[in-house]
C-alpha atoms as a PDB file:
ATOM      1  CA  MET A   1       0.000   0.000   0.000  1.00  0.00           C
ATOM      2  CA  LYS A   2       2.856   2.406   0.849  1.00  0.00           C
ATOM      3  CA  LYS A   3       4.567   1.632  -2.462  1.00  0.00           C
ATOM      4  CA  ILE A   4       1.486   2.735  -4.385  1.00  0.00           C
ATOM      5  CA  LEU A   5       0.598   5.719  -2.215  1.00  0.00           C
ATOM      6  CA  LEU A   6       3.977   7.516  -2.410  1.00  0.00           C
ATOM      7  CA  PRO A   7       4.206   7.640  -6.247  1.00  0.00           C
ATOM      8  CA  LEU A   8       0.545   8.681  -6.380  1.00  0.00           C
ATOM      9  CA  ILE A   9       1.171  11.601  -3.998  1.00  0.00           C
ATOM     10  CA  ILE A  10       4.226  12.700  -5.988  1.00  0.00           C
ATOM     11  CA  PHE A  11       2.292  12.511  -9.266  1.00  0.00           C
ATOM     12  CA  ILE A  12      -0.584  14.585  -7.868  1.00  0.00           C
ATOM     13  CA  SER A  13       1.756  17.232  -6.459  1.00  0.00           C
ATOM     14  CA  ILE A  14       3.603  17.588  -9.779  1.00  0.00           C
ATOM     15  CA  THR A  15       0.492  17.785 -11.959  1.00  0.00           C
ATOM     16  CA  GLY A  16      -1.342  20.085  -9.567  1.00  0.00           C
ATOM     17  CA  LYS A  17       1.013  23.062 -10.062  1.00  0.00           C
ATOM     18  CA  ALA A  18      -0.319  26.331 -11.474  1.00  0.00           C
ATOM     19  CA  GLN A  19       2.405  26.541 -14.123  1.00  0.00           C
ATOM     20  CA  LYS A  20       3.697  24.234 -16.776  1.00  0.00           C
ATOM     21  CA  THR A  21       7.257  24.222 -18.108  1.00  0.00           C
ATOM     22  CA  ASP A  22       8.269  24.185 -21.749  1.00  0.00           C
ATOM     23  CA  SER A  23      11.730  24.026 -23.244  1.00  0.00           C
ATOM     24  CA  LEU A  24      10.975  22.297 -26.525  1.00  0.00           C
ATOM     25  CA  ILE A  25      10.408  25.189 -28.930  1.00  0.00           C
ATOM     26  CA  LYS A  26      12.351  24.624 -32.170  1.00  0.00           C
ATOM     27  CA  GLY A  27      15.710  26.378 -32.497  1.00  0.00           C
ATOM     28  CA  THR A  28      19.370  25.993 -31.798  1.00  0.00           C
ATOM     29  CA  HIS A  29      19.159  27.363 -28.253  1.00  0.00           C
ATOM     30  CA  THR A  30      15.970  26.912 -26.260  1.00  0.00           C
ATOM     31  CA  LEU A  31      15.361  28.312 -22.805  1.00  0.00           C
ATOM     32  CA  LYS A  32      13.472  26.755 -19.936  1.00  0.00           C
ATOM     33  CA  LYS A  33      10.264  28.735 -19.615  1.00  0.00           C
ATOM     34  CA  SER A  34       7.282  28.634 -17.293  1.00  0.00           C
ATOM     35  CA  TRP A  35       3.896  29.292 -18.831  1.00  0.00           C
ATOM     36  CA  LEU A  36       1.276  30.924 -16.641  1.00  0.00           C
ATOM     37  CA  THR A  37      -2.020  29.091 -16.304  1.00  0.00           C
ATOM     38  CA  ASP A  38      -3.796  31.081 -19.023  1.00  0.00           C
ATOM     39  CA  SER A  39      -0.877  30.408 -21.475  1.00  0.00           C
ATOM     40  CA  SER A  40      -0.749  34.071 -22.509  1.00  0.00           C
ATOM     41  CA  LYS A  41       2.444  34.909 -20.575  1.00  0.00           C
ATOM     42  CA  ILE A  42       5.771  33.190 -20.099  1.00  0.00           C
ATOM     43  CA  VAL A  43       8.399  33.557 -17.393  1.00  0.00           C
ATOM     44  CA  ILE A  44      12.117  32.812 -17.674  1.00  0.00           C
ATOM     45  CA  ASN A  45      13.775  32.725 -14.257  1.00  0.00           C
ATOM     46  CA  ASN A  46      17.435  33.363 -13.398  1.00  0.00           C
ATOM     47  CA  LEU A  47      18.855  33.329 -16.905  1.00  0.00           C
ATOM     48  CA  SER A  48      22.606  34.013 -16.632  1.00  0.00           C
ATOM     49  CA  LEU A  49      23.912  36.366 -19.314  1.00  0.00           C
ATOM     50  CA  ASN A  50      27.242  38.152 -19.668  1.00  0.00           C
ATOM     51  CA  ILE A  51      27.059  41.946 -19.791  1.00  0.00           C
ATOM     52  CA  LEU A  52      30.018  44.279 -20.318  1.00  0.00           C
ATOM     53  CA  ASN A  53      30.704  46.742 -17.498  1.00  0.00           C
ATOM     54  CA  GLY A  54      32.142  50.223 -18.096  1.00  0.00           C
ATOM     55  CA  HIS A  55      35.683  48.884 -18.463  1.00  0.00           C
ATOM     56  CA  GLY A  56      34.701  46.270 -21.061  1.00  0.00           C
ATOM     57  CA  GLU A  57      34.920  43.357 -18.616  1.00  0.00           C
ATOM     58  CA  SER A  58      32.289  40.640 -18.741  1.00  0.00           C
ATOM     59  CA  VAL A  59      29.985  40.492 -15.698  1.00  0.00           C
ATOM     60  CA  GLU A  60      27.434  37.721 -15.080  1.00  0.00           C
ATOM     61  CA  VAL A  61      23.927  39.083 -14.550  1.00  0.00           C
ATOM     62  CA  LYS A  62      20.856  36.944 -13.842  1.00  0.00           C
ATOM     63  CA  PHE A  63      17.768  38.093 -15.702  1.00  0.00           C
ATOM     64  CA  THR A  64      14.152  37.228 -15.010  1.00  0.00           C
ATOM     65  CA  ILE A  65      12.003  37.843 -18.065  1.00  0.00           C
ATOM     66  CA  TYR A  66       8.208  38.195 -18.185  1.00  0.00           C
ATOM     67  CA  SER A  67       6.702  38.287 -21.671  1.00  0.00           C
ATOM     68  CA  ASP A  68       3.359  38.112 -23.405  1.00  0.00           C
ATOM     69  CA  ILE A  69       3.301  35.258 -25.884  1.00  0.00           C
ATOM     70  CA  LYS A  70       2.631  37.447 -28.940  1.00  0.00           C
ATOM     71  CA  SER A  71       5.740  39.600 -28.375  1.00  0.00           C
ATOM     72  CA  TRP A  72       7.853  36.543 -27.518  1.00  0.00           C
ATOM     73  CA  ASN A  73       6.835  34.735 -30.709  1.00  0.00           C
ATOM     74  CA  TYR A  74       7.555  37.826 -32.801  1.00  0.00           C
ATOM     75  CA  LEU A  75      10.959  38.243 -31.194  1.00  0.00           C
ATOM     76  CA  ILE A  76      12.004  34.618 -31.629  1.00  0.00           C
ATOM     77  CA  TRP A  77      10.444  33.460 -34.872  1.00  0.00           C
ATOM     78  CA  HIS A  78      10.753  36.590 -37.000  1.00  0.00           C
ATOM     79  CA  HIS A  79      14.152  37.903 -36.014  1.00  0.00           C
ATOM     80  CA  HIS A  80      16.411  35.206 -34.659  1.00  0.00           C
ATOM     81  CA  ASN A  81      15.729  32.033 -36.604  1.00  0.00           C
ATOM     82  CA  ASN A  82      14.264  30.455 -33.470  1.00  0.00           C
ATOM     83  CA  ASP A  83      17.434  31.045 -31.414  1.00  0.00           C
ATOM     84  CA  GLU A  84      15.976  32.121 -28.066  1.00  0.00           C
ATOM     85  CA  MET A  85      19.316  32.657 -26.327  1.00  0.00           C
ATOM     86  CA  ASP A  86      20.561  34.979 -29.081  1.00  0.00           C
ATOM     87  CA  ALA A  87      17.339  36.999 -28.963  1.00  0.00           C
ATOM     88  CA  VAL A  88      17.417  37.418 -25.181  1.00  0.00           C
ATOM     89  CA  GLN A  89      21.140  38.306 -25.211  1.00  0.00           C
ATOM     90  CA  ASP A  90      20.476  41.045 -27.808  1.00  0.00           C
ATOM     91  CA  ILE A  91      17.649  42.503 -25.713  1.00  0.00           C
ATOM     92  CA  ALA A  92      19.768  42.402 -22.525  1.00  0.00           C
ATOM     93  CA  ASP A  93      22.715  44.052 -24.339  1.00  0.00           C
ATOM     94  CA  ASP A  94      20.514  46.816 -25.754  1.00  0.00           C
ATOM     95  CA  ILE A  95      18.916  47.527 -22.378  1.00  0.00           C
ATOM     96  CA  SER A  96      22.304  47.505 -20.614  1.00  0.00           C
ATOM     97  CA  ASN A  97      23.796  49.906 -23.175  1.00  0.00           C
ATOM     98  CA  GLU A  98      20.877  52.308 -22.748  1.00  0.00           C
ATOM     99  CA  ALA A  99      21.279  52.203 -18.963  1.00  0.00           C
ATOM    100  CA  GLN A 100      25.041  52.747 -19.213  1.00  0.00           C
ATOM    101  CA  GLN A 101      24.558  55.804 -21.430  1.00  0.00           C
ATOM    102  CA  SER A 102      22.369  57.384 -18.737  1.00  0.00           C
ATOM    103  CA  LEU A 103      25.361  57.700 -16.366  1.00  0.00           C
ATOM    104  CA  LYS A 104      27.529  60.826 -16.180  1.00  0.00           C
ATOM    105  CA  ASN A 105      30.655  58.627 -16.217  1.00  0.00           C
ATOM    106  CA  ILE A 106      29.899  55.646 -18.473  1.00  0.00           C
ATOM    107  CA  LEU A 107      33.214  53.978 -17.575  1.00  0.00           C
ATOM    108  CA  SER A 108      31.949  53.504 -14.004  1.00  0.00           C
ATOM    109  CA  PHE A 109      28.995  51.367 -15.125  1.00  0.00           C
ATOM    110  CA  GLN A 110      28.622  48.229 -12.961  1.00  0.00           C
ATOM    111  CA  PRO A 111      25.300  46.334 -13.381  1.00  0.00           C
ATOM    112  CA  PHE A 112      23.626  44.671 -10.411  1.00  0.00           C
ATOM    113  CA  LYS A 113      23.608  40.873 -10.370  1.00  0.00           C
ATOM    114  CA  LYS A 114      19.811  40.591 -10.834  1.00  0.00           C
ATOM    115  CA  GLU A 115      17.594  42.410 -13.350  1.00  0.00           C
ATOM    116  CA  PHE A 116      13.938  42.038 -14.384  1.00  0.00           C
ATOM    117  CA  ILE A 117      12.748  42.568 -17.970  1.00  0.00           C
ATOM    118  CA  THR A 118       9.117  42.795 -19.067  1.00  0.00           C
ATOM    119  CA  ILE A 119       8.316  42.292 -22.752  1.00  0.00           C
ATOM    120  CA  GLN A 120       4.836  43.453 -23.649  1.00  0.00           C
ATOM    121  CA  ASN A 121       3.223  44.798 -26.824  1.00  0.00           C
ATOM    122  CA  GLY A 122       6.545  44.744 -28.699  1.00  0.00           C
ATOM    123  CA  THR A 123       8.500  46.702 -26.071  1.00  0.00           C
ATOM    124  CA  ALA A 124      11.079  45.399 -23.594  1.00  0.00           C
ATOM    125  CA  THR A 125      11.128  47.422 -20.362  1.00  0.00           C
ATOM    126  CA  CYS A 126      13.519  47.211 -17.426  1.00  0.00           C
ATOM    127  CA  ASN A 127      14.085  49.275 -14.284  1.00  0.00           C
ATOM    128  CA  TYR A 128      17.855  48.756 -14.570  1.00  0.00           C
ATOM    129  CA  LYS A 129      19.749  48.887 -11.280  1.00  0.00           C
ATOM    130  CA  MET A 130      23.466  49.654 -11.377  1.00  0.00           C
ATOM    131  CA  MET A 131      26.416  51.246  -9.613  1.00  0.00           C
ATOM    132  CA  GLY A 132      28.150  54.271 -11.088  1.00  0.00           C
ATOM    133  CA  LYS A 133      30.132  57.341 -10.090  1.00  0.00           C
ATOM    134  CA  ASN A 134      28.398  60.652  -9.591  1.00  0.00           C
ATOM    135  CA  GLY A 135      29.858  64.055 -10.527  1.00  0.00           C
ATOM    136  CA  TYR A 136      31.991  64.055  -7.360  1.00  0.00           C
ATOM    137  CA  GLY A 137      33.553  60.670  -8.104  1.00  0.00           C
ATOM    138  CA  ASN A 138      31.620  58.783  -5.412  1.00  0.00           C
ATOM    139  CA  ASP A 139      30.112  55.369  -6.153  1.00  0.00           C
ATOM    140  CA  ILE A 140      26.338  55.538  -6.029  1.00  0.00           C
ATOM    141  CA  GLU A 141      23.527  53.044  -6.516  1.00  0.00           C
ATOM    142  CA  THR A 142      21.129  54.217  -9.168  1.00  0.00           C
ATOM    143  CA  SER A 143      18.419  52.913 -11.451  1.00  0.00           C
ATOM    144  CA  GLN A 144      17.177  53.877 -14.879  1.00  0.00           C
ATOM    145  CA  GLU A 145      13.875  52.979 -16.533  1.00  0.00           C
ATOM    146  CA  VAL A 146      14.855  51.672 -19.968  1.00  0.00           C
ATOM    147  CA  SER A 147      12.519  50.712 -22.825  1.00  0.00           C
ATOM    148  CA  VAL A 148      13.594  49.103 -26.092  1.00  0.00           C
ATOM    149  CA  ASN A 149      11.253  48.583 -29.033  1.00  0.00           C
ATOM    150  CA  ILE A 150      11.920  44.992 -30.142  1.00  0.00           C
ATOM    151  CA  VAL A 151      10.194  45.509 -33.476  1.00  0.00           C
ATOM    152  CA  LYS A 152      12.475  48.402 -34.461  1.00  0.00           C
ATOM    153  CA  ASN A 153      15.734  46.830 -33.213  1.00  0.00           C
ATOM    154  CA  PHE A 154      15.518  43.721 -35.339  1.00  0.00           C
END
């Protein structure tokens, strides 16, 4: 009885979740995504990407991406030959460059280790948090609201 009950409990707990996971979209690089229950939005958690800081050194940043399915499909299938990793890296690079340009001293740009991107209606938006030097040369924590039109960039 115990041998039957344990697998049954595990099966029920796995199938009873509010999200389903999909990583089987065609392409050379696919990402592990969670689909919300209504299947109109996807979430990619803790995706590690390399971003260049102000001195041109590569820094690992973990991105969490929320996207509506229409914008995601446009981004992947129309512009990147189904290569999800390439598409997300381009968006992250564009957003990081925009944030870096907002600093007085762009060489002092140091991104935080965790960023959140929302892709909705063809626009990628991020409240980008970073460290940079102010006009007096002191390191400060700052943030910049950055929006990138994914339709125009590709």
